[in-house]
Amino acid sequence: MLSFGVTFMLDPPASRVVELSKLAEDNGFDYIWAWDSNVLWQEPYPVFSLIAANTERVKIGTCVTNPGTRDVTVTASALATLNEISGGRMVMGIGRGDSARRVIGRPPMTVEHLEAACRTIKDLAEGREVDYLGTPTRLKWANGKLPVWVAAYGPKALRCAGRVADGLIMQLADPYIIEWSLRYVREGAQEAGRRFEDIQIMSAAPAYVTDDLQHARDQVRWFPALVSNHVVDLVKRYSDTDLPKELTDYIEARDHYDYADHGRTGAEHASFVTDEVVDRFCVIGTAEQCREKLSELQALGVHQFNIYSMVDDPAGVIQSFGAELIPAFN
């Protein structure tokens, strides 16, 4: 069965995100996610408290946080507290850190740092003792479960996800690239003596259900531009033969990126993204076209499709999925 999530950008007012979260729950969504970039948007943890208080069923989490802008003990304590508030509904999506790190003049964290942080945060949030910089440390009051989802693109980070993650976050909906990526997740799982089948796979990307394909493309063109930040990093660290051209070729036309418009519809820096790339990376078009794309992702082993809702009508997208797409997969 394919489950569905929706991710929000935390622009004020927080009450609007709470309203949309309730709408998503009423329309059959199983997960509510929020971007965590503490300079660009509002702080997610207080908003999560509001979402938890106004919903009953949906799981709630970051998509994604990182191990560099907060100490790992702070993240673990916050999520363990929210787990108690929400009745055990918290999850954590985590990556190396793109916008949250770059806007304060810092690079993303290393994969090694990410992997260690995943283990430490999960252990602390679930009440186990860790060695924190040489000091035995434990949140004695924490006793819930915290599923950890790791966002990754390159082979090294994908193997990391295979070793430590409960779930993998792929921030695109291109079936070819997802299929290419999963081999490295499988390798990481085998290295750690884990079952690849126990790792949930998420495709996270914008979606727009409409007969007006050009309007849909214009609403989501920002997304491949956002992905290009990660691809630029990968190209610096890997040879051409290590990465699929379907992921790397499109950035040749990119000349700049403005984090002031990160994730914003109409961002000028996204003008280099072609319609063909938009169509591959996103889920757009008529309900039937969207259903076909989602079915293709499901057949590859994707367990959750997570809508990046940064479009002109997020409520309309949520309702369209609830009426026309979620029932088809449940």
C-alpha atoms as a PDB file:
ATOM      1  CA  MET A   1       0.000   0.000   0.000  1.00  0.00           C
ATOM      2  CA  LEU A   2       1.240   3.492  -0.848  1.00  0.00           C
ATOM      3  CA  SER A   3       0.869   6.023   1.985  1.00  0.00           C
ATOM      4  CA  PHE A   4       0.810   9.787   1.537  1.00  0.00           C
ATOM      5  CA  GLY A   5       2.388  12.714   3.320  1.00  0.00           C
ATOM      6  CA  VAL A   6       2.473  16.465   2.817  1.00  0.00           C
ATOM      7  CA  THR A   7       5.311  18.866   3.632  1.00  0.00           C
ATOM      8  CA  PHE A   8       4.803  22.509   4.591  1.00  0.00           C
ATOM      9  CA  MET A   9       7.066  25.527   4.462  1.00  0.00           C
ATOM     10  CA  LEU A  10       6.658  27.268   7.828  1.00  0.00           C
ATOM     11  CA  ASP A  11       5.737  30.768   6.728  1.00  0.00           C
ATOM     12  CA  PRO A  12       3.549  32.649   9.229  1.00  0.00           C
ATOM     13  CA  PRO A  13       0.898  32.377  10.406  1.00  0.00           C
ATOM     14  CA  ALA A  14       1.419  29.018  12.072  1.00  0.00           C
ATOM     15  CA  SER A  15      -2.353  28.678  12.311  1.00  0.00           C
ATOM     16  CA  ARG A  16      -2.522  28.215   8.535  1.00  0.00           C
ATOM     17  CA  VAL A  17      -0.196  25.202   8.678  1.00  0.00           C
ATOM     18  CA  VAL A  18      -2.348  23.746  11.461  1.00  0.00           C
ATOM     19  CA  GLU A  19      -5.483  24.210   9.324  1.00  0.00           C
ATOM     20  CA  LEU A  20      -3.838  22.532   6.335  1.00  0.00           C
ATOM     21  CA  SER A  21      -2.612  19.692   8.556  1.00  0.00           C
ATOM     22  CA  LYS A  22      -6.154  19.041   9.765  1.00  0.00           C
ATOM     23  CA  LEU A  23      -7.356  19.151   6.154  1.00  0.00           C
ATOM     24  CA  ALA A  24      -4.685  16.605   5.159  1.00  0.00           C
ATOM     25  CA  GLU A  25      -5.683  14.244   7.964  1.00  0.00           C
ATOM     26  CA  ASP A  26      -9.338  14.520   6.948  1.00  0.00           C
ATOM     27  CA  ASN A  27      -8.363  13.684   3.352  1.00  0.00           C
ATOM     28  CA  GLY A  28      -6.547  10.463   4.197  1.00  0.00           C
ATOM     29  CA  PHE A  29      -2.934  11.605   4.515  1.00  0.00           C
ATOM     30  CA  ASP A  30      -0.799   9.678   7.003  1.00  0.00           C
ATOM     31  CA  TYR A  31       2.139  12.063   7.522  1.00  0.00           C
ATOM     32  CA  ILE A  32       2.620  15.792   8.104  1.00  0.00           C
ATOM     33  CA  TRP A  33       6.153  17.038   7.504  1.00  0.00           C
ATOM     34  CA  ALA A  34       7.802  20.471   7.704  1.00  0.00           C
ATOM     35  CA  TRP A  35      11.021  21.921   6.384  1.00  0.00           C
ATOM     36  CA  ASP A  36      13.508  22.854   9.105  1.00  0.00           C
ATOM     37  CA  SER A  37      15.597  25.895   8.146  1.00  0.00           C
ATOM     38  CA  ASN A  38      15.692  28.126  11.184  1.00  0.00           C
ATOM     39  CA  VAL A  39      16.656  31.388   9.451  1.00  0.00           C
ATOM     40  CA  LEU A  40      14.394  31.113   6.398  1.00  0.00           C
ATOM     41  CA  TRP A  41      11.234  29.912   8.177  1.00  0.00           C
ATOM     42  CA  GLN A  42       9.606  29.591  11.558  1.00  0.00           C
ATOM     43  CA  GLU A  43      10.821  27.073  14.129  1.00  0.00           C
ATOM     44  CA  PRO A  44       9.097  23.709  13.503  1.00  0.00           C
ATOM     45  CA  TYR A  45       8.911  22.286  17.028  1.00  0.00           C
ATOM     46  CA  PRO A  46       6.362  24.752  18.482  1.00  0.00           C
ATOM     47  CA  VAL A  47       4.294  24.345  15.307  1.00  0.00           C
ATOM     48  CA  PHE A  48       4.462  20.563  15.721  1.00  0.00           C
ATOM     49  CA  SER A  49       2.939  20.986  19.183  1.00  0.00           C
ATOM     50  CA  LEU A  50       0.001  22.828  17.644  1.00  0.00           C
ATOM     51  CA  ILE A  51      -0.403  20.223  14.910  1.00  0.00           C
ATOM     52  CA  ALA A  52      -0.311  17.416  17.490  1.00  0.00           C
ATOM     53  CA  ALA A  53      -2.970  19.151  19.587  1.00  0.00           C
ATOM     54  CA  ASN A  54      -5.277  19.602  16.594  1.00  0.00           C
ATOM     55  CA  THR A  55      -4.933  16.193  14.909  1.00  0.00           C
ATOM     56  CA  GLU A  56      -5.473  12.633  16.071  1.00  0.00           C
ATOM     57  CA  ARG A  57      -3.873  10.193  13.677  1.00  0.00           C
ATOM     58  CA  VAL A  58      -1.177  11.637  11.395  1.00  0.00           C
ATOM     59  CA  LYS A  59       2.497  11.168  12.117  1.00  0.00           C
ATOM     60  CA  ILE A  60       4.513  14.404  12.354  1.00  0.00           C
ATOM     61  CA  GLY A  61       8.144  15.149  11.548  1.00  0.00           C
ATOM     62  CA  THR A  62      10.929  17.193   9.999  1.00  0.00           C
ATOM     63  CA  CYS A  63      11.674  16.823   6.312  1.00  0.00           C
ATOM     64  CA  VAL A  64      14.421  17.514   7.007  1.00  0.00           C
ATOM     65  CA  THR A  65      16.447  18.681   9.977  1.00  0.00           C
ATOM     66  CA  ASN A  66      20.235  18.374  10.161  1.00  0.00           C
ATOM     67  CA  PRO A  67      22.838  17.576  12.851  1.00  0.00           C
ATOM     68  CA  GLY A  68      24.638  20.919  12.597  1.00  0.00           C
ATOM     69  CA  THR A  69      22.266  23.747  13.528  1.00  0.00           C
ATOM     70  CA  ARG A  70      21.247  22.124  16.817  1.00  0.00           C
ATOM     71  CA  ASP A  71      23.148  19.934  19.223  1.00  0.00           C
ATOM     72  CA  VAL A  72      22.039  16.313  18.885  1.00  0.00           C
ATOM     73  CA  THR A  73      20.960  16.225  22.532  1.00  0.00           C
ATOM     74  CA  VAL A  74      18.668  19.201  21.918  1.00  0.00           C
ATOM     75  CA  THR A  75      17.079  17.540  18.875  1.00  0.00           C
ATOM     76  CA  ALA A  76      16.614  14.269  20.738  1.00  0.00           C
ATOM     77  CA  SER A  77      15.043  15.991  23.749  1.00  0.00           C
ATOM     78  CA  ALA A  78      12.697  18.081  21.607  1.00  0.00           C
ATOM     79  CA  LEU A  79      11.462  15.111  19.607  1.00  0.00           C
ATOM     80  CA  ALA A  80      11.120  12.890  22.664  1.00  0.00           C
ATOM     81  CA  THR A  81       9.035  15.618  24.331  1.00  0.00           C
ATOM     82  CA  LEU A  82       6.876  15.972  21.224  1.00  0.00           C
ATOM     83  CA  ASN A  83       6.452  12.203  21.179  1.00  0.00           C
ATOM     84  CA  GLU A  84       4.870  12.427  24.631  1.00  0.00           C
ATOM     85  CA  ILE A  85       2.698  15.374  23.580  1.00  0.00           C
ATOM     86  CA  SER A  86       1.522  13.696  20.362  1.00  0.00           C
ATOM     87  CA  GLY A  87       0.938  10.224  21.768  1.00  0.00           C
ATOM     88  CA  GLY A  88       3.906   8.649  19.999  1.00  0.00           C
ATOM     89  CA  ARG A  89       3.351  10.146  16.553  1.00  0.00           C
ATOM     90  CA  MET A  90       6.738  11.809  15.961  1.00  0.00           C
ATOM     91  CA  VAL A  91       9.238  10.854  13.266  1.00  0.00           C
ATOM     92  CA  MET A  92      12.481  12.519  12.223  1.00  0.00           C
ATOM     93  CA  GLY A  93      13.688  13.245   8.723  1.00  0.00           C
ATOM     94  CA  ILE A  94      17.346  14.305   8.712  1.00  0.00           C
ATOM     95  CA  GLY A  95      19.989  15.163   6.142  1.00  0.00           C
ATOM     96  CA  ARG A  96      23.360  16.861   5.875  1.00  0.00           C
ATOM     97  CA  GLY A  97      21.841  20.359   5.840  1.00  0.00           C
ATOM     98  CA  ASP A  98      21.420  22.541   2.756  1.00  0.00           C
ATOM     99  CA  SER A  99      19.616  25.840   3.273  1.00  0.00           C
ATOM    100  CA  ALA A 100      19.780  25.759   7.090  1.00  0.00           C
ATOM    101  CA  ARG A 101      23.576  25.589   6.955  1.00  0.00           C
ATOM    102  CA  ARG A 102      24.332  27.652   3.873  1.00  0.00           C
ATOM    103  CA  VAL A 103      22.323  30.727   4.869  1.00  0.00           C
ATOM    104  CA  ILE A 104      24.488  31.048   7.989  1.00  0.00           C
ATOM    105  CA  GLY A 105      27.679  30.661   5.976  1.00  0.00           C
ATOM    106  CA  ARG A 106      28.364  27.047   6.873  1.00  0.00           C
ATOM    107  CA  PRO A 107      28.687  23.989   4.611  1.00  0.00           C
ATOM    108  CA  PRO A 108      26.527  20.877   4.942  1.00  0.00           C
ATOM    109  CA  MET A 109      27.683  18.340   7.488  1.00  0.00           C
ATOM    110  CA  THR A 110      29.680  15.284   6.437  1.00  0.00           C
ATOM    111  CA  VAL A 111      28.002  11.942   5.881  1.00  0.00           C
ATOM    112  CA  GLU A 112      30.028  10.533   8.783  1.00  0.00           C
ATOM    113  CA  HIS A 113      28.651  13.227  11.096  1.00  0.00           C
ATOM    114  CA  LEU A 114      25.129  12.551   9.809  1.00  0.00           C
ATOM    115  CA  GLU A 115      25.391   8.811  10.425  1.00  0.00           C
ATOM    116  CA  ALA A 116      26.696   9.255  13.966  1.00  0.00           C
ATOM    117  CA  ALA A 117      23.967  11.802  14.719  1.00  0.00           C
ATOM    118  CA  CYS A 118      21.240   9.428  13.527  1.00  0.00           C
ATOM    119  CA  ARG A 119      22.375   6.763  15.955  1.00  0.00           C
ATOM    120  CA  THR A 120      22.791   9.196  18.866  1.00  0.00           C
ATOM    121  CA  ILE A 121      19.471  11.017  18.407  1.00  0.00           C
ATOM    122  CA  LYS A 122      17.502   7.794  18.033  1.00  0.00           C
ATOM    123  CA  ASP A 123      19.112   6.206  21.079  1.00  0.00           C
ATOM    124  CA  LEU A 124      18.582   9.272  23.258  1.00  0.00           C
ATOM    125  CA  ALA A 125      14.991   9.862  22.104  1.00  0.00           C
ATOM    126  CA  GLU A 126      14.154   6.228  22.839  1.00  0.00           C
ATOM    127  CA  GLY A 127      15.656   6.365  26.343  1.00  0.00           C
ATOM    128  CA  ARG A 128      18.972   4.573  25.787  1.00  0.00           C
ATOM    129  CA  GLU A 129      22.297   5.769  27.147  1.00  0.00           C
ATOM    130  CA  VAL A 130      24.914   7.122  24.733  1.00  0.00           C
ATOM    131  CA  ASP A 131      28.525   8.182  24.989  1.00  0.00           C
ATOM    132  CA  TYR A 132      28.252  11.913  24.263  1.00  0.00           C
ATOM    133  CA  LEU A 133      31.771  13.291  23.750  1.00  0.00           C
ATOM    134  CA  GLY A 134      33.075  10.997  26.451  1.00  0.00           C
ATOM    135  CA  THR A 135      30.215  11.545  28.902  1.00  0.00           C
ATOM    136  CA  PRO A 136      27.555   8.872  29.535  1.00  0.00           C
ATOM    137  CA  THR A 137      24.274  10.614  28.700  1.00  0.00           C
ATOM    138  CA  ARG A 138      20.651   9.498  28.852  1.00  0.00           C
ATOM    139  CA  LEU A 139      17.188  11.055  28.718  1.00  0.00           C
ATOM    140  CA  LYS A 140      15.796   8.980  31.575  1.00  0.00           C
ATOM    141  CA  TRP A 141      12.250  10.173  30.976  1.00  0.00           C
ATOM    142  CA  ALA A 142      12.189   9.304  27.243  1.00  0.00           C
ATOM    143  CA  ASN A 143      10.539   6.003  26.351  1.00  0.00           C
ATOM    144  CA  GLY A 144       8.871   6.361  22.945  1.00  0.00           C
ATOM    145  CA  LYS A 145       9.923   5.188  19.487  1.00  0.00           C
ATOM    146  CA  LEU A 146      11.477   7.612  16.989  1.00  0.00           C
ATOM    147  CA  PRO A 147      11.641   6.353  13.381  1.00  0.00           C
ATOM    148  CA  VAL A 148      14.557   8.025  11.568  1.00  0.00           C
ATOM    149  CA  TRP A 149      14.296   8.896   7.871  1.00  0.00           C
ATOM    150  CA  VAL A 150      17.525   9.879   6.089  1.00  0.00           C
ATOM    151  CA  ALA A 151      17.541  12.190   3.057  1.00  0.00           C
ATOM    152  CA  ALA A 152      20.198  11.216   0.519  1.00  0.00           C
ATOM    153  CA  TYR A 153      21.252  11.566  -3.120  1.00  0.00           C
ATOM    154  CA  GLY A 154      24.828  10.311  -3.601  1.00  0.00           C
ATOM    155  CA  PRO A 155      26.141   6.755  -3.183  1.00  0.00           C
ATOM    156  CA  LYS A 156      27.884   7.498   0.135  1.00  0.00           C
ATOM    157  CA  ALA A 157      24.813   9.034   1.794  1.00  0.00           C
ATOM    158  CA  LEU A 158      22.543   6.370   0.317  1.00  0.00           C
ATOM    159  CA  ARG A 159      24.698   3.634   1.847  1.00  0.00           C
ATOM    160  CA  CYS A 160      24.519   5.530   5.148  1.00  0.00           C
ATOM    161  CA  ALA A 161      20.730   5.403   4.932  1.00  0.00           C
ATOM    162  CA  GLY A 162      20.923   1.681   4.348  1.00  0.00           C
ATOM    163  CA  ARG A 163      22.996   1.244   7.497  1.00  0.00           C
ATOM    164  CA  VAL A 164      21.016   3.381   9.954  1.00  0.00           C
ATOM    165  CA  ALA A 165      17.667   4.578   8.586  1.00  0.00           C
ATOM    166  CA  ASP A 166      14.164   3.348   9.196  1.00  0.00           C
ATOM    167  CA  GLY A 167      13.242   5.212   6.027  1.00  0.00           C
ATOM    168  CA  LEU A 168      14.923   6.816   3.004  1.00  0.00           C
ATOM    169  CA  ILE A 169      13.865  10.246   1.719  1.00  0.00           C
ATOM    170  CA  MET A 170      14.436  10.717  -2.023  1.00  0.00           C
ATOM    171  CA  GLN A 171      13.665  14.340  -2.864  1.00  0.00           C
ATOM    172  CA  LEU A 172      12.418  13.711  -6.390  1.00  0.00           C
ATOM    173  CA  ALA A 173       9.914  11.562  -8.234  1.00  0.00           C
ATOM    174  CA  ASP A 174      12.032  10.404 -11.173  1.00  0.00           C
ATOM    175  CA  PRO A 175      11.577   6.611 -11.371  1.00  0.00           C
ATOM    176  CA  TYR A 176      14.924   6.040 -13.093  1.00  0.00           C
ATOM    177  CA  ILE A 177      16.927   7.961 -10.479  1.00  0.00           C
ATOM    178  CA  ILE A 178      15.072   6.299  -7.606  1.00  0.00           C
ATOM    179  CA  GLU A 179      15.753   2.855  -9.056  1.00  0.00           C
ATOM    180  CA  TRP A 180      19.430   3.778  -9.510  1.00  0.00           C
ATOM    181  CA  SER A 181      19.620   5.001  -5.901  1.00  0.00           C
ATOM    182  CA  LEU A 182      18.125   1.958  -4.219  1.00  0.00           C
ATOM    183  CA  ARG A 183      21.076  -0.279  -5.107  1.00  0.00           C
ATOM    184  CA  TYR A 184      23.289   1.775  -2.771  1.00  0.00           C
ATOM    185  CA  VAL A 185      20.722   1.647   0.022  1.00  0.00           C
ATOM    186  CA  ARG A 186      20.679  -2.122  -0.359  1.00  0.00           C
ATOM    187  CA  GLU A 187      24.495  -2.218  -0.189  1.00  0.00           C
ATOM    188  CA  GLY A 188      24.460  -0.178   3.031  1.00  0.00           C
ATOM    189  CA  ALA A 189      21.849  -2.444   4.593  1.00  0.00           C
ATOM    190  CA  GLN A 190      23.916  -5.520   3.726  1.00  0.00           C
ATOM    191  CA  GLU A 191      27.029  -3.900   5.259  1.00  0.00           C
ATOM    192  CA  ALA A 192      25.142  -3.448   8.543  1.00  0.00           C
ATOM    193  CA  GLY A 193      23.524  -6.878   8.496  1.00  0.00           C
ATOM    194  CA  ARG A 194      20.072  -5.357   8.003  1.00  0.00           C
ATOM    195  CA  ARG A 195      17.189  -6.301   5.741  1.00  0.00           C
ATOM    196  CA  PHE A 196      16.721  -3.827   2.905  1.00  0.00           C
ATOM    197  CA  GLU A 197      13.023  -4.733   2.926  1.00  0.00           C
ATOM    198  CA  ASP A 198      12.673  -3.233   6.412  1.00  0.00           C
ATOM    199  CA  ILE A 199      13.576   0.259   5.144  1.00  0.00           C
ATOM    200  CA  GLN A 200      10.674   2.443   4.048  1.00  0.00           C
ATOM    201  CA  ILE A 201      11.211   4.419   0.821  1.00  0.00           C
ATOM    202  CA  MET A 202       9.789   7.906   0.356  1.00  0.00           C
ATOM    203  CA  SER A 203       9.548   9.973  -2.810  1.00  0.00           C
ATOM    204  CA  ALA A 204       9.202  13.646  -1.832  1.00  0.00           C
ATOM    205  CA  ALA A 205       8.307  16.107  -4.596  1.00  0.00           C
ATOM    206  CA  PRO A 206       5.748  18.746  -5.581  1.00  0.00           C
ATOM    207  CA  ALA A 207       2.450  17.620  -7.057  1.00  0.00           C
ATOM    208  CA  TYR A 208      -0.313  19.455  -8.883  1.00  0.00           C
ATOM    209  CA  VAL A 209      -3.519  17.919 -10.232  1.00  0.00           C
ATOM    210  CA  THR A 210      -4.827  19.904 -13.209  1.00  0.00           C
ATOM    211  CA  ASP A 211      -5.603  19.816 -16.920  1.00  0.00           C
ATOM    212  CA  ASP A 212      -3.415  22.917 -17.361  1.00  0.00           C
ATOM    213  CA  LEU A 213       0.001  21.307 -17.577  1.00  0.00           C
ATOM    214  CA  GLN A 214       1.874  24.537 -18.236  1.00  0.00           C
ATOM    215  CA  HIS A 215       0.437  26.167 -15.134  1.00  0.00           C
ATOM    216  CA  ALA A 216       1.423  23.127 -13.095  1.00  0.00           C
ATOM    217  CA  ARG A 217       4.971  23.272 -14.464  1.00  0.00           C
ATOM    218  CA  ASP A 218       5.295  26.938 -13.586  1.00  0.00           C
ATOM    219  CA  GLN A 219       4.121  26.220 -10.048  1.00  0.00           C
ATOM    220  CA  VAL A 220       6.765  23.552  -9.404  1.00  0.00           C
ATOM    221  CA  ARG A 221       9.744  24.621 -11.550  1.00  0.00           C
ATOM    222  CA  TRP A 222      11.472  25.800  -8.377  1.00  0.00           C
ATOM    223  CA  PHE A 223      11.878  22.191  -7.233  1.00  0.00           C
ATOM    224  CA  PRO A 224      14.484  20.870  -9.708  1.00  0.00           C
ATOM    225  CA  ALA A 225      16.356  24.135  -9.059  1.00  0.00           C
ATOM    226  CA  LEU A 226      16.352  23.296  -5.336  1.00  0.00           C
ATOM    227  CA  VAL A 227      17.566  19.760  -6.082  1.00  0.00           C
ATOM    228  CA  SER A 228      20.381  21.245  -8.167  1.00  0.00           C
ATOM    229  CA  ASN A 229      22.092  22.477  -4.982  1.00  0.00           C
ATOM    230  CA  HIS A 230      22.622  18.869  -3.945  1.00  0.00           C
ATOM    231  CA  VAL A 231      23.594  17.802  -7.452  1.00  0.00           C
ATOM    232  CA  VAL A 232      26.284  20.501  -7.667  1.00  0.00           C
ATOM    233  CA  ASP A 233      27.818  19.052  -4.485  1.00  0.00           C
ATOM    234  CA  LEU A 234      27.687  15.535  -5.904  1.00  0.00           C
ATOM    235  CA  VAL A 235      29.394  16.542  -9.160  1.00  0.00           C
ATOM    236  CA  LYS A 236      32.293  17.982  -7.145  1.00  0.00           C
ATOM    237  CA  ARG A 237      32.776  14.747  -5.209  1.00  0.00           C
ATOM    238  CA  TYR A 238      32.113  12.003  -7.765  1.00  0.00           C
ATOM    239  CA  SER A 239      33.334  11.179 -11.255  1.00  0.00           C
ATOM    240  CA  ASP A 240      30.967  11.375 -14.221  1.00  0.00           C
ATOM    241  CA  THR A 241      30.686   7.591 -14.339  1.00  0.00           C
ATOM    242  CA  ASP A 242      29.504   7.396 -10.720  1.00  0.00           C
ATOM    243  CA  LEU A 243      26.316   9.421 -11.241  1.00  0.00           C
ATOM    244  CA  PRO A 244      23.442   9.065 -13.734  1.00  0.00           C
ATOM    245  CA  LYS A 245      23.227  11.723 -16.435  1.00  0.00           C
ATOM    246  CA  GLU A 246      19.494  11.931 -15.722  1.00  0.00           C
ATOM    247  CA  LEU A 247      20.488  13.535 -12.403  1.00  0.00           C
ATOM    248  CA  THR A 248      23.446  15.683 -13.474  1.00  0.00           C
ATOM    249  CA  ASP A 249      23.054  16.898 -17.053  1.00  0.00           C
ATOM    250  CA  TYR A 250      20.400  19.515 -16.354  1.00  0.00           C
ATOM    251  CA  ILE A 251      22.612  21.585 -14.037  1.00  0.00           C
ATOM    252  CA  GLU A 252      24.901  22.570 -16.935  1.00  0.00           C
ATOM    253  CA  ALA A 253      22.511  25.463 -17.669  1.00  0.00           C
ATOM    254  CA  ARG A 254      22.409  26.641 -14.033  1.00  0.00           C
ATOM    255  CA  ASP A 255      24.289  29.880 -13.317  1.00  0.00           C
ATOM    256  CA  HIS A 256      23.180  30.895  -9.809  1.00  0.00           C
ATOM    257  CA  TYR A 257      20.871  30.133  -6.890  1.00  0.00           C
ATOM    258  CA  ASP A 258      19.310  32.626  -4.473  1.00  0.00           C
ATOM    259  CA  TYR A 259      18.400  31.159  -1.075  1.00  0.00           C
ATOM    260  CA  ALA A 260      16.150  34.162  -0.442  1.00  0.00           C
ATOM    261  CA  ASP A 261      13.758  32.454  -2.885  1.00  0.00           C
ATOM    262  CA  HIS A 262      14.455  28.897  -1.699  1.00  0.00           C
ATOM    263  CA  GLY A 263      11.403  26.750  -2.426  1.00  0.00           C
ATOM    264  CA  ARG A 264       9.443  29.703  -3.819  1.00  0.00           C
ATOM    265  CA  THR A 265       7.147  29.489  -6.833  1.00  0.00           C
ATOM    266  CA  GLY A 266       8.319  31.883  -9.544  1.00  0.00           C
ATOM    267  CA  ALA A 267      11.934  32.009  -8.327  1.00  0.00           C
ATOM    268  CA  GLU A 268      14.038  33.632 -11.044  1.00  0.00           C
ATOM    269  CA  HIS A 269      16.940  31.256 -10.475  1.00  0.00           C
ATOM    270  CA  ALA A 270      14.741  28.345 -11.657  1.00  0.00           C
ATOM    271  CA  SER A 271      14.462  29.635 -15.237  1.00  0.00           C
ATOM    272  CA  PHE A 272      17.145  27.190 -16.419  1.00  0.00           C
ATOM    273  CA  VAL A 273      14.959  24.167 -15.581  1.00  0.00           C
ATOM    274  CA  THR A 274      13.306  22.671 -18.670  1.00  0.00           C
ATOM    275  CA  ASP A 275       9.780  21.298 -18.875  1.00  0.00           C
ATOM    276  CA  GLU A 276      11.203  17.814 -19.427  1.00  0.00           C
ATOM    277  CA  VAL A 277      13.085  17.931 -16.118  1.00  0.00           C
ATOM    278  CA  VAL A 278      10.022  19.293 -14.300  1.00  0.00           C
ATOM    279  CA  ASP A 279       7.921  16.423 -15.629  1.00  0.00           C
ATOM    280  CA  ARG A 280      10.479  13.830 -14.503  1.00  0.00           C
ATOM    281  CA  PHE A 281      11.096  15.234 -11.033  1.00  0.00           C
ATOM    282  CA  CYS A 282       7.486  16.062 -10.069  1.00  0.00           C
ATOM    283  CA  VAL A 283       3.993  14.513 -10.135  1.00  0.00           C
ATOM    284  CA  ILE A 284       1.790  16.806 -12.213  1.00  0.00           C
ATOM    285  CA  GLY A 285      -1.032  16.683 -14.740  1.00  0.00           C
ATOM    286  CA  THR A 286      -4.489  15.174 -14.733  1.00  0.00           C
ATOM    287  CA  ALA A 287      -5.551  12.797 -11.990  1.00  0.00           C
ATOM    288  CA  GLU A 288      -4.981   9.899 -14.369  1.00  0.00           C
ATOM    289  CA  GLN A 289      -1.468  11.105 -15.278  1.00  0.00           C
ATOM    290  CA  CYS A 290      -0.626  11.513 -11.587  1.00  0.00           C
ATOM    291  CA  ARG A 291      -2.036   8.078 -10.806  1.00  0.00           C
ATOM    292  CA  GLU A 292       0.139   6.499 -13.495  1.00  0.00           C
ATOM    293  CA  LYS A 293       3.281   8.176 -12.144  1.00  0.00           C
ATOM    294  CA  LEU A 294       2.490   7.168  -8.574  1.00  0.00           C
ATOM    295  CA  SER A 295       1.834   3.590  -9.666  1.00  0.00           C
ATOM    296  CA  GLU A 296       5.232   3.521 -11.359  1.00  0.00           C
ATOM    297  CA  LEU A 297       6.896   4.730  -8.164  1.00  0.00           C
ATOM    298  CA  GLN A 298       5.010   2.171  -6.094  1.00  0.00           C
ATOM    299  CA  ALA A 299       6.124  -0.617  -8.413  1.00  0.00           C
ATOM    300  CA  LEU A 300       9.755   0.377  -7.760  1.00  0.00           C
ATOM    301  CA  GLY A 301       9.236  -0.085  -4.023  1.00  0.00           C
ATOM    302  CA  VAL A 302       8.232   3.415  -2.904  1.00  0.00           C
ATOM    303  CA  HIS A 303       6.142   3.223   0.284  1.00  0.00           C
ATOM    304  CA  GLN A 304       5.253   6.898   0.726  1.00  0.00           C
ATOM    305  CA  PHE A 305       4.693   9.814  -1.626  1.00  0.00           C
ATOM    306  CA  ASN A 306       5.239  13.107   0.190  1.00  0.00           C
ATOM    307  CA  ILE A 307       3.852  16.235  -1.491  1.00  0.00           C
ATOM    308  CA  TYR A 308       5.953  19.389  -1.284  1.00  0.00           C
ATOM    309  CA  SER A 309       3.027  21.794  -1.038  1.00  0.00           C
ATOM    310  CA  MET A 310       4.727  25.077  -2.029  1.00  0.00           C
ATOM    311  CA  VAL A 311       2.227  26.013  -4.757  1.00  0.00           C
ATOM    312  CA  ASP A 312      -0.533  28.583  -5.185  1.00  0.00           C
ATOM    313  CA  ASP A 313      -3.284  26.276  -3.906  1.00  0.00           C
ATOM    314  CA  PRO A 314      -1.984  23.746  -1.355  1.00  0.00           C
ATOM    315  CA  ALA A 315      -5.486  23.087  -0.018  1.00  0.00           C
ATOM    316  CA  GLY A 316      -6.682  22.275  -3.539  1.00  0.00           C
ATOM    317  CA  VAL A 317      -3.823  19.806  -4.054  1.00  0.00           C
ATOM    318  CA  ILE A 318      -4.573  18.122  -0.720  1.00  0.00           C
ATOM    319  CA  GLN A 319      -8.278  17.831  -1.580  1.00  0.00           C
ATOM    320  CA  SER A 320      -7.562  16.562  -5.107  1.00  0.00           C
ATOM    321  CA  PHE A 321      -5.355  13.804  -3.707  1.00  0.00           C
ATOM    322  CA  GLY A 322      -7.935  12.975  -1.062  1.00  0.00           C
ATOM    323  CA  ALA A 323     -10.754  12.700  -3.589  1.00  0.00           C
ATOM    324  CA  GLU A 324      -9.045  11.240  -6.663  1.00  0.00           C
ATOM    325  CA  LEU A 325      -5.720   9.593  -5.795  1.00  0.00           C
ATOM    326  CA  ILE A 326      -5.397   8.357  -2.201  1.00  0.00           C
ATOM    327  CA  PRO A 327      -8.497   6.094  -2.485  1.00  0.00           C
ATOM    328  CA  ALA A 328      -6.964   4.448  -5.567  1.00  0.00           C
ATOM    329  CA  PHE A 329      -3.948   3.305  -3.532  1.00  0.00           C
ATOM    330  CA  ASN A 330      -5.715   2.327  -0.334  1.00  0.00           C
END
